[in-house]
Amino acid sequence: MGALPLKQARMEFKTTDEVKNLLSEAAVLAGLDLTAFVLNSATEKARAVLAEHSMVRLSGENHARFLQVLASPPRPSKALRKLMSSPRLPVR
């Protein structure tokens, strides 16, 4: 079995005794140490939040309208043409 990669990032935070005890009790019941329990829970929540913010949900009616606009986009307005013809700023 190979060596596990070293973990280089460190996080520290303060909490109340009540919250620490709650997390510790849940960690024991899950068969994990406190760090693993907190990291697993936070990672799962972070993935869920990122997934939720990376999707757009449309109703059936709005979905049909969206597809219609994609198929036949409106002509660009005067303001949009002016914006698109302006010099572009460098991206850094």
PDB file of N, CA and C in Angstrom:
ATOM      1  N   MET A   1       0.854  -1.185   0.000  1.00  0.00           N
ATOM      2  CA  MET A   1       0.000   0.000   0.000  1.00  0.00           C
ATOM      3  C   MET A   1       0.893   1.239   0.000  1.00  0.00           C
ATOM      4  N   GLY A   2       0.600   2.206  -0.877  1.00  0.00           N
ATOM      5  CA  GLY A   2       1.409   3.414  -0.987  1.00  0.00           C
ATOM      6  C   GLY A   2       1.088   4.397   0.117  1.00  0.00           C
ATOM      7  N   ALA A   3       1.968   5.361   0.271  1.00  0.00           N
ATOM      8  CA  ALA A   3       1.772   6.395   1.286  1.00  0.00           C
ATOM      9  C   ALA A   3       0.645   7.330   0.860  1.00  0.00           C
ATOM     10  N   LEU A   4      -0.115   7.797   1.828  1.00  0.00           N
ATOM     11  CA  LEU A   4      -1.176   8.755   1.547  1.00  0.00           C
ATOM     12  C   LEU A   4      -0.558  10.117   1.265  1.00  0.00           C
ATOM     13  N   PRO A   5      -1.151  10.899   0.367  1.00  0.00           N
ATOM     14  CA  PRO A   5      -0.603  12.226   0.091  1.00  0.00           C
ATOM     15  C   PRO A   5      -0.708  13.109   1.328  1.00  0.00           C
ATOM     16  N   LEU A   6       0.291  13.959   1.508  1.00  0.00           N
ATOM     17  CA  LEU A   6       0.285  14.869   2.654  1.00  0.00           C
ATOM     18  C   LEU A   6      -0.785  15.942   2.451  1.00  0.00           C
ATOM     19  N   LYS A   7      -1.464  16.264   3.509  1.00  0.00           N
ATOM     20  CA  LYS A   7      -2.465  17.329   3.465  1.00  0.00           C
ATOM     21  C   LYS A   7      -1.781  18.614   3.891  1.00  0.00           C
ATOM     22  N   GLN A   8      -1.834  19.623   3.034  1.00  0.00           N
ATOM     23  CA  GLN A   8      -1.100  20.856   3.307  1.00  0.00           C
ATOM     24  C   GLN A   8      -1.992  22.014   3.728  1.00  0.00           C
ATOM     25  N   ALA A   9      -3.256  21.968   3.396  1.00  0.00           N
ATOM     26  CA  ALA A   9      -4.154  23.063   3.753  1.00  0.00           C
ATOM     27  C   ALA A   9      -4.678  22.849   5.170  1.00  0.00           C
ATOM     28  N   ARG A  10      -4.752  23.926   5.915  1.00  0.00           N
ATOM     29  CA  ARG A  10      -5.183  23.826   7.300  1.00  0.00           C
ATOM     30  C   ARG A  10      -6.328  24.802   7.534  1.00  0.00           C
ATOM     31  N   MET A  11      -7.306  24.354   8.303  1.00  0.00           N
ATOM     32  CA  MET A  11      -8.427  25.209   8.687  1.00  0.00           C
ATOM     33  C   MET A  11      -8.606  25.102  10.199  1.00  0.00           C
ATOM     34  N   GLU A  12      -8.900  26.215  10.799  1.00  0.00           N
ATOM     35  CA  GLU A  12      -9.185  26.230  12.234  1.00  0.00           C
ATOM     36  C   GLU A  12     -10.401  27.114  12.452  1.00  0.00           C
ATOM     37  N   PHE A  13     -11.254  26.723  13.379  1.00  0.00           N
ATOM     38  CA  PHE A  13     -12.386  27.567  13.709  1.00  0.00           C
ATOM     39  C   PHE A  13     -12.814  27.318  15.140  1.00  0.00           C
ATOM     40  N   LYS A  14     -13.462  28.298  15.710  1.00  0.00           N
ATOM     41  CA  LYS A  14     -13.962  28.212  17.078  1.00  0.00           C
ATOM     42  C   LYS A  14     -15.448  27.926  17.037  1.00  0.00           C
ATOM     43  N   THR A  15     -15.928  27.247  18.055  1.00  0.00           N
ATOM     44  CA  THR A  15     -17.346  26.962  18.176  1.00  0.00           C
ATOM     45  C   THR A  15     -17.693  26.907  19.661  1.00  0.00           C
ATOM     46  N   THR A  16     -18.931  26.643  19.955  1.00  0.00           N
ATOM     47  CA  THR A  16     -19.337  26.503  21.349  1.00  0.00           C
ATOM     48  C   THR A  16     -19.118  25.060  21.791  1.00  0.00           C
ATOM     49  N   ASP A  17     -19.067  24.859  23.105  1.00  0.00           N
ATOM     50  CA  ASP A  17     -18.954  23.491  23.628  1.00  0.00           C
ATOM     51  C   ASP A  17     -20.149  22.653  23.193  1.00  0.00           C
ATOM     52  N   GLU A  18     -21.322  23.271  23.149  1.00  0.00           N
ATOM     53  CA  GLU A  18     -22.540  22.552  22.762  1.00  0.00           C
ATOM     54  C   GLU A  18     -22.438  22.014  21.324  1.00  0.00           C
ATOM     55  N   VAL A  19     -21.979  22.840  20.410  1.00  0.00           N
ATOM     56  CA  VAL A  19     -21.853  22.418  19.018  1.00  0.00           C
ATOM     57  C   VAL A  19     -20.756  21.368  18.882  1.00  0.00           C
ATOM     58  N   LYS A  20     -19.646  21.567  19.566  1.00  0.00           N
ATOM     59  CA  LYS A  20     -18.563  20.579  19.488  1.00  0.00           C
ATOM     60  C   LYS A  20     -19.030  19.230  20.019  1.00  0.00           C
ATOM     61  N   ASN A  21     -19.738  19.244  21.122  1.00  0.00           N
ATOM     62  CA  ASN A  21     -20.245  17.983  21.683  1.00  0.00           C
ATOM     63  C   ASN A  21     -21.238  17.309  20.731  1.00  0.00           C
ATOM     64  N   LEU A  22     -22.098  18.093  20.121  1.00  0.00           N
ATOM     65  CA  LEU A  22     -23.062  17.563  19.156  1.00  0.00           C
ATOM     66  C   LEU A  22     -22.335  16.900  17.985  1.00  0.00           C
ATOM     67  N   LEU A  23     -21.354  17.610  17.422  1.00  0.00           N
ATOM     68  CA  LEU A  23     -20.592  17.068  16.298  1.00  0.00           C
ATOM     69  C   LEU A  23     -19.793  15.836  16.707  1.00  0.00           C
ATOM     70  N   SER A  24     -19.207  15.880  17.881  1.00  0.00           N
ATOM     71  CA  SER A  24     -18.427  14.735  18.361  1.00  0.00           C
ATOM     72  C   SER A  24     -19.300  13.503  18.537  1.00  0.00           C
ATOM     73  N   GLU A  25     -20.473  13.688  19.106  1.00  0.00           N
ATOM     74  CA  GLU A  25     -21.392  12.563  19.301  1.00  0.00           C
ATOM     75  C   GLU A  25     -21.828  11.973  17.961  1.00  0.00           C
ATOM     76  N   ALA A  26     -22.140  12.837  17.018  1.00  0.00           N
ATOM     77  CA  ALA A  26     -22.547  12.363  15.689  1.00  0.00           C
ATOM     78  C   ALA A  26     -21.385  11.658  14.997  1.00  0.00           C
ATOM     79  N   ALA A  27     -20.180  12.165  15.171  1.00  0.00           N
ATOM     80  CA  ALA A  27     -18.996  11.543  14.556  1.00  0.00           C
ATOM     81  C   ALA A  27     -18.799  10.133  15.083  1.00  0.00           C
ATOM     82  N   VAL A  28     -18.933   9.955  16.394  1.00  0.00           N
ATOM     83  CA  VAL A  28     -18.774   8.629  16.994  1.00  0.00           C
ATOM     84  C   VAL A  28     -19.811   7.664  16.420  1.00  0.00           C
ATOM     85  N   LEU A  29     -21.060   8.124  16.336  1.00  0.00           N
ATOM     86  CA  LEU A  29     -22.120   7.267  15.796  1.00  0.00           C
ATOM     87  C   LEU A  29     -21.883   6.916  14.329  1.00  0.00           C
ATOM     88  N   ALA A  30     -21.226   7.823  13.594  1.00  0.00           N
ATOM     89  CA  ALA A  30     -20.923   7.568  12.187  1.00  0.00           C
ATOM     90  C   ALA A  30     -19.632   6.761  12.020  1.00  0.00           C
ATOM     91  N   GLY A  31     -18.936   6.518  13.119  1.00  0.00           N
ATOM     92  CA  GLY A  31     -17.693   5.756  13.053  1.00  0.00           C
ATOM     93  C   GLY A  31     -16.529   6.555  12.492  1.00  0.00           C
ATOM     94  N   LEU A  32     -16.560   7.860  12.690  1.00  0.00           N
ATOM     95  CA  LEU A  32     -15.513   8.744  12.180  1.00  0.00           C
ATOM     96  C   LEU A  32     -14.920   9.566  13.302  1.00  0.00           C
ATOM     97  N   ASP A  33     -13.708  10.069  13.073  1.00  0.00           N
ATOM     98  CA  ASP A  33     -13.195  11.033  14.036  1.00  0.00           C
ATOM     99  C   ASP A  33     -13.850  12.382  13.728  1.00  0.00           C
ATOM    100  N   LEU A  34     -13.714  13.329  14.635  1.00  0.00           N
ATOM    101  CA  LEU A  34     -14.403  14.612  14.500  1.00  0.00           C
ATOM    102  C   LEU A  34     -13.993  15.341  13.221  1.00  0.00           C
ATOM    103  N   THR A  35     -12.702  15.356  12.922  1.00  0.00           N
ATOM    104  CA  THR A  35     -12.227  16.040  11.719  1.00  0.00           C
ATOM    105  C   THR A  35     -12.836  15.438  10.463  1.00  0.00           C
ATOM    106  N   ALA A  36     -12.800  14.124  10.351  1.00  0.00           N
ATOM    107  CA  ALA A  36     -13.355  13.462   9.168  1.00  0.00           C
ATOM    108  C   ALA A  36     -14.851  13.729   9.055  1.00  0.00           C
ATOM    109  N   PHE A  37     -15.552  13.687  10.188  1.00  0.00           N
ATOM    110  CA  PHE A  37     -16.993  13.930  10.164  1.00  0.00           C
ATOM    111  C   PHE A  37     -17.311  15.336   9.674  1.00  0.00           C
ATOM    112  N   VAL A  38     -16.625  16.329  10.226  1.00  0.00           N
ATOM    113  CA  VAL A  38     -16.880  17.716   9.849  1.00  0.00           C
ATOM    114  C   VAL A  38     -16.497  17.951   8.391  1.00  0.00           C
ATOM    115  N   LEU A  39     -15.338  17.452   7.974  1.00  0.00           N
ATOM    116  CA  LEU A  39     -14.909  17.643   6.587  1.00  0.00           C
ATOM    117  C   LEU A  39     -15.841  16.944   5.606  1.00  0.00           C
ATOM    118  N   ASN A  40     -16.246  15.719   5.917  1.00  0.00           N
ATOM    119  CA  ASN A  40     -17.172  15.003   5.025  1.00  0.00           C
ATOM    120  C   ASN A  40     -18.497  15.752   4.904  1.00  0.00           C
ATOM    121  N   SER A  41     -19.011  16.212   6.042  1.00  0.00           N
ATOM    122  CA  SER A  41     -20.292  16.925   6.037  1.00  0.00           C
ATOM    123  C   SER A  41     -20.180  18.247   5.282  1.00  0.00           C
ATOM    124  N   ALA A  42     -19.114  18.993   5.527  1.00  0.00           N
ATOM    125  CA  ALA A  42     -18.934  20.286   4.864  1.00  0.00           C
ATOM    126  C   ALA A  42     -18.704  20.101   3.367  1.00  0.00           C
ATOM    127  N   THR A  43     -17.940  19.075   2.994  1.00  0.00           N
ATOM    128  CA  THR A  43     -17.679  18.817   1.579  1.00  0.00           C
ATOM    129  C   THR A  43     -18.965  18.449   0.850  1.00  0.00           C
ATOM    130  N   GLU A  44     -19.764  17.603   1.469  1.00  0.00           N
ATOM    131  CA  GLU A  44     -21.047  17.206   0.875  1.00  0.00           C
ATOM    132  C   GLU A  44     -21.948  18.417   0.674  1.00  0.00           C
ATOM    133  N   LYS A  45     -22.029  19.276   1.679  1.00  0.00           N
ATOM    134  CA  LYS A  45     -22.865  20.475   1.589  1.00  0.00           C
ATOM    135  C   LYS A  45     -22.324  21.419   0.524  1.00  0.00           C
ATOM    136  N   ALA A  46     -21.000  21.595   0.466  1.00  0.00           N
ATOM    137  CA  ALA A  46     -20.400  22.484  -0.532  1.00  0.00           C
ATOM    138  C   ALA A  46     -20.706  21.997  -1.949  1.00  0.00           C
ATOM    139  N   ARG A  47     -20.592  20.698  -2.171  1.00  0.00           N
ATOM    140  CA  ARG A  47     -20.905  20.148  -3.502  1.00  0.00           C
ATOM    141  C   ARG A  47     -22.369  20.379  -3.864  1.00  0.00           C
ATOM    142  N   ALA A  48     -23.258  20.227  -2.893  1.00  0.00           N
ATOM    143  CA  ALA A  48     -24.689  20.435  -3.144  1.00  0.00           C
ATOM    144  C   ALA A  48     -24.968  21.900  -3.490  1.00  0.00           C
ATOM    145  N   VAL A  49     -24.356  22.815  -2.766  1.00  0.00           N
ATOM    146  CA  VAL A  49     -24.553  24.246  -3.029  1.00  0.00           C
ATOM    147  C   VAL A  49     -24.020  24.603  -4.409  1.00  0.00           C
ATOM    148  N   LEU A  50     -22.830  24.128  -4.742  1.00  0.00           N
ATOM    149  CA  LEU A  50     -22.253  24.417  -6.057  1.00  0.00           C
ATOM    150  C   LEU A  50     -23.099  23.820  -7.177  1.00  0.00           C
ATOM    151  N   ALA A  51     -23.599  22.613  -6.986  1.00  0.00           N
ATOM    152  CA  ALA A  51     -24.446  21.985  -8.000  1.00  0.00           C
ATOM    153  C   ALA A  51     -25.734  22.782  -8.181  1.00  0.00           C
ATOM    154  N   GLU A  52     -26.320  23.220  -7.085  1.00  0.00           N
ATOM    155  CA  GLU A  52     -27.570  23.983  -7.149  1.00  0.00           C
ATOM    156  C   GLU A  52     -27.376  25.293  -7.906  1.00  0.00           C
ATOM    157  N   HIS A  53     -26.215  25.904  -7.739  1.00  0.00           N
ATOM    158  CA  HIS A  53     -25.957  27.188  -8.392  1.00  0.00           C
ATOM    159  C   HIS A  53     -25.412  27.036  -9.810  1.00  0.00           C
ATOM    160  N   SER A  54     -25.170  25.833 -10.240  1.00  0.00           N
ATOM    161  CA  SER A  54     -24.665  25.638 -11.597  1.00  0.00           C
ATOM    162  C   SER A  54     -25.770  25.198 -12.552  1.00  0.00           C
ATOM    163  N   MET A  55     -26.985  25.053 -12.047  1.00  0.00           N
ATOM    164  CA  MET A  55     -28.115  24.622 -12.870  1.00  0.00           C
ATOM    165  C   MET A  55     -29.172  25.711 -12.937  1.00  0.00           C
ATOM    166  N   VAL A  56     -29.862  25.732 -14.050  1.00  0.00           N
ATOM    167  CA  VAL A  56     -31.014  26.611 -14.207  1.00  0.00           C
ATOM    168  C   VAL A  56     -32.229  25.718 -14.414  1.00  0.00           C
ATOM    169  N   ARG A  57     -33.236  25.934 -13.608  1.00  0.00           N
ATOM    170  CA  ARG A  57     -34.459  25.142 -13.736  1.00  0.00           C
ATOM    171  C   ARG A  57     -35.548  26.021 -14.322  1.00  0.00           C
ATOM    172  N   LEU A  58     -36.191  25.504 -15.358  1.00  0.00           N
ATOM    173  CA  LEU A  58     -37.257  26.247 -16.014  1.00  0.00           C
ATOM    174  C   LEU A  58     -38.548  25.440 -15.993  1.00  0.00           C
ATOM    175  N   SER A  59     -39.657  26.140 -15.899  1.00  0.00           N
ATOM    176  CA  SER A  59     -40.949  25.471 -16.036  1.00  0.00           C
ATOM    177  C   SER A  59     -41.096  25.046 -17.489  1.00  0.00           C
ATOM    178  N   GLY A  60     -42.071  24.210 -17.772  1.00  0.00           N
ATOM    179  CA  GLY A  60     -42.309  23.773 -19.136  1.00  0.00           C
ATOM    180  C   GLY A  60     -42.522  24.940 -20.085  1.00  0.00           C
ATOM    181  N   GLU A  61     -43.316  25.914 -19.648  1.00  0.00           N
ATOM    182  CA  GLU A  61     -43.594  27.087 -20.473  1.00  0.00           C
ATOM    183  C   GLU A  61     -42.331  27.913 -20.712  1.00  0.00           C
ATOM    184  N   ASN A  62     -41.553  28.146 -19.651  1.00  0.00           N
ATOM    185  CA  ASN A  62     -40.325  28.925 -19.794  1.00  0.00           C
ATOM    186  C   ASN A  62     -39.280  28.169 -20.609  1.00  0.00           C
ATOM    187  N   HIS A  63     -39.258  26.856 -20.497  1.00  0.00           N
ATOM    188  CA  HIS A  63     -38.334  26.048 -21.286  1.00  0.00           C
ATOM    189  C   HIS A  63     -38.646  26.199 -22.769  1.00  0.00           C
ATOM    190  N   ALA A  64     -39.920  26.141 -23.109  1.00  0.00           N
ATOM    191  CA  ALA A  64     -40.336  26.293 -24.506  1.00  0.00           C
ATOM    192  C   ALA A  64     -39.970  27.685 -25.028  1.00  0.00           C
ATOM    193  N   ARG A  65     -40.189  28.702 -24.204  1.00  0.00           N
ATOM    194  CA  ARG A  65     -39.840  30.083 -24.594  1.00  0.00           C
ATOM    195  C   ARG A  65     -38.334  30.213 -24.788  1.00  0.00           C
ATOM    196  N   PHE A  66     -37.551  29.619 -23.912  1.00  0.00           N
ATOM    197  CA  PHE A  66     -36.097  29.661 -24.010  1.00  0.00           C
ATOM    198  C   PHE A  66     -35.634  29.032 -25.326  1.00  0.00           C
ATOM    199  N   LEU A  67     -36.183  27.876 -25.650  1.00  0.00           N
ATOM    200  CA  LEU A  67     -35.824  27.212 -26.904  1.00  0.00           C
ATOM    201  C   LEU A  67     -36.236  28.046 -28.116  1.00  0.00           C
ATOM    202  N   GLN A  68     -37.372  28.712 -28.008  1.00  0.00           N
ATOM    203  CA  GLN A  68     -37.843  29.571 -29.096  1.00  0.00           C
ATOM    204  C   GLN A  68     -36.876  30.735 -29.320  1.00  0.00           C
ATOM    205  N   VAL A  69     -36.431  31.354 -28.248  1.00  0.00           N
ATOM    206  CA  VAL A  69     -35.489  32.480 -28.364  1.00  0.00           C
ATOM    207  C   VAL A  69     -34.156  31.996 -28.924  1.00  0.00           C
ATOM    208  N   LEU A  70     -33.709  30.810 -28.517  1.00  0.00           N
ATOM    209  CA  LEU A  70     -32.463  30.270 -29.073  1.00  0.00           C
ATOM    210  C   LEU A  70     -32.595  30.020 -30.576  1.00  0.00           C
ATOM    211  N   ALA A  71     -33.738  29.533 -30.988  1.00  0.00           N
ATOM    212  CA  ALA A  71     -33.959  29.215 -32.398  1.00  0.00           C
ATOM    213  C   ALA A  71     -34.126  30.473 -33.245  1.00  0.00           C
ATOM    214  N   SER A  72     -34.731  31.503 -32.676  1.00  0.00           N
ATOM    215  CA  SER A  72     -34.979  32.757 -33.407  1.00  0.00           C
ATOM    216  C   SER A  72     -34.638  33.931 -32.510  1.00  0.00           C
ATOM    217  N   PRO A  73     -33.354  34.200 -32.329  1.00  0.00           N
ATOM    218  CA  PRO A  73     -32.979  35.284 -31.408  1.00  0.00           C
ATOM    219  C   PRO A  73     -33.441  36.645 -31.929  1.00  0.00           C
ATOM    220  N   PRO A  74     -33.760  37.564 -31.015  1.00  0.00           N
ATOM    221  CA  PRO A  74     -34.169  38.896 -31.450  1.00  0.00           C
ATOM    222  C   PRO A  74     -32.981  39.627 -32.093  1.00  0.00           C
ATOM    223  N   ARG A  75     -33.277  40.588 -32.944  1.00  0.00           N
ATOM    224  CA  ARG A  75     -32.216  41.377 -33.566  1.00  0.00           C
ATOM    225  C   ARG A  75     -31.526  42.203 -32.476  1.00  0.00           C
ATOM    226  N   PRO A  76     -30.210  42.397 -32.606  1.00  0.00           N
ATOM    227  CA  PRO A  76     -29.511  43.183 -31.588  1.00  0.00           C
ATOM    228  C   PRO A  76     -30.018  44.628 -31.553  1.00  0.00           C
ATOM    229  N   SER A  77     -30.151  45.144 -30.351  1.00  0.00           N
ATOM    230  CA  SER A  77     -30.599  46.524 -30.185  1.00  0.00           C
ATOM    231  C   SER A  77     -29.444  47.471 -30.519  1.00  0.00           C
ATOM    232  N   LYS A  78     -29.778  48.753 -30.654  1.00  0.00           N
ATOM    233  CA  LYS A  78     -28.758  49.762 -30.931  1.00  0.00           C
ATOM    234  C   LYS A  78     -27.725  49.786 -29.801  1.00  0.00           C
ATOM    235  N   ALA A  79     -28.202  49.688 -28.558  1.00  0.00           N
ATOM    236  CA  ALA A  79     -27.288  49.708 -27.410  1.00  0.00           C
ATOM    237  C   ALA A  79     -26.354  48.496 -27.426  1.00  0.00           C
ATOM    238  N   LEU A  80     -26.864  47.331 -27.797  1.00  0.00           N
ATOM    239  CA  LEU A  80     -26.021  46.139 -27.854  1.00  0.00           C
ATOM    240  C   LEU A  80     -24.981  46.264 -28.960  1.00  0.00           C
ATOM    241  N   ARG A  81     -25.389  46.780 -30.121  1.00  0.00           N
ATOM    242  CA  ARG A  81     -24.427  46.968 -31.217  1.00  0.00           C
ATOM    243  C   ARG A  81     -23.327  47.945 -30.800  1.00  0.00           C
ATOM    244  N   LYS A  82     -23.702  49.014 -30.105  1.00  0.00           N
ATOM    245  CA  LYS A  82     -22.711  49.992 -29.626  1.00  0.00           C
ATOM    246  C   LYS A  82     -21.759  49.334 -28.632  1.00  0.00           C
ATOM    247  N   LEU A  83     -22.306  48.564 -27.716  1.00  0.00           N
ATOM    248  CA  LEU A  83     -21.481  47.883 -26.724  1.00  0.00           C
ATOM    249  C   LEU A  83     -20.500  46.915 -27.391  1.00  0.00           C
ATOM    250  N   MET A  84     -20.981  46.137 -28.337  1.00  0.00           N
ATOM    251  CA  MET A  84     -20.139  45.135 -28.987  1.00  0.00           C
ATOM    252  C   MET A  84     -19.079  45.764 -29.886  1.00  0.00           C
ATOM    253  N   SER A  85     -19.287  47.011 -30.331  1.00  0.00           N
ATOM    254  CA  SER A  85     -18.298  47.668 -31.186  1.00  0.00           C
ATOM    255  C   SER A  85     -17.269  48.445 -30.369  1.00  0.00           C
ATOM    256  N   SER A  86     -17.480  48.582 -29.071  1.00  0.00           N
ATOM    257  CA  SER A  86     -16.529  49.322 -28.243  1.00  0.00           C
ATOM    258  C   SER A  86     -15.264  48.502 -28.036  1.00  0.00           C
ATOM    259  N   PRO A  87     -14.123  49.193 -27.807  1.00  0.00           N
ATOM    260  CA  PRO A  87     -12.872  48.466 -27.594  1.00  0.00           C
ATOM    261  C   PRO A  87     -12.968  47.562 -26.373  1.00  0.00           C
ATOM    262  N   ARG A  88     -12.350  46.410 -26.477  1.00  0.00           N
ATOM    263  CA  ARG A  88     -12.407  45.457 -25.372  1.00  0.00           C
ATOM    264  C   ARG A  88     -11.284  45.719 -24.389  1.00  0.00           C
ATOM    265  N   LEU A  89     -11.595  45.548 -23.133  1.00  0.00           N
ATOM    266  CA  LEU A  89     -10.582  45.666 -22.095  1.00  0.00           C
ATOM    267  C   LEU A  89      -9.778  44.385 -22.026  1.00  0.00           C
ATOM    268  N   PRO A  90      -8.493  44.489 -21.753  1.00  0.00           N
ATOM    269  CA  PRO A  90      -7.691  43.245 -21.650  1.00  0.00           C
ATOM    270  C   PRO A  90      -8.127  42.449 -20.429  1.00  0.00           C
ATOM    271  N   VAL A  91      -8.143  41.160 -20.591  1.00  0.00           N
ATOM    272  CA  VAL A  91      -8.491  40.263 -19.490  1.00  0.00           C
ATOM    273  C   VAL A  91      -7.204  39.815 -18.823  1.00  0.00           C
ATOM    274  N   ARG A  92      -7.149  39.931 -17.530  1.00  0.00           N
ATOM    275  CA  ARG A  92      -5.935  39.537 -16.803  1.00  0.00           C
ATOM    276  C   ARG A  92      -6.167  38.308 -15.997  1.00  0.00           C
TER     277      ARG A  92
END
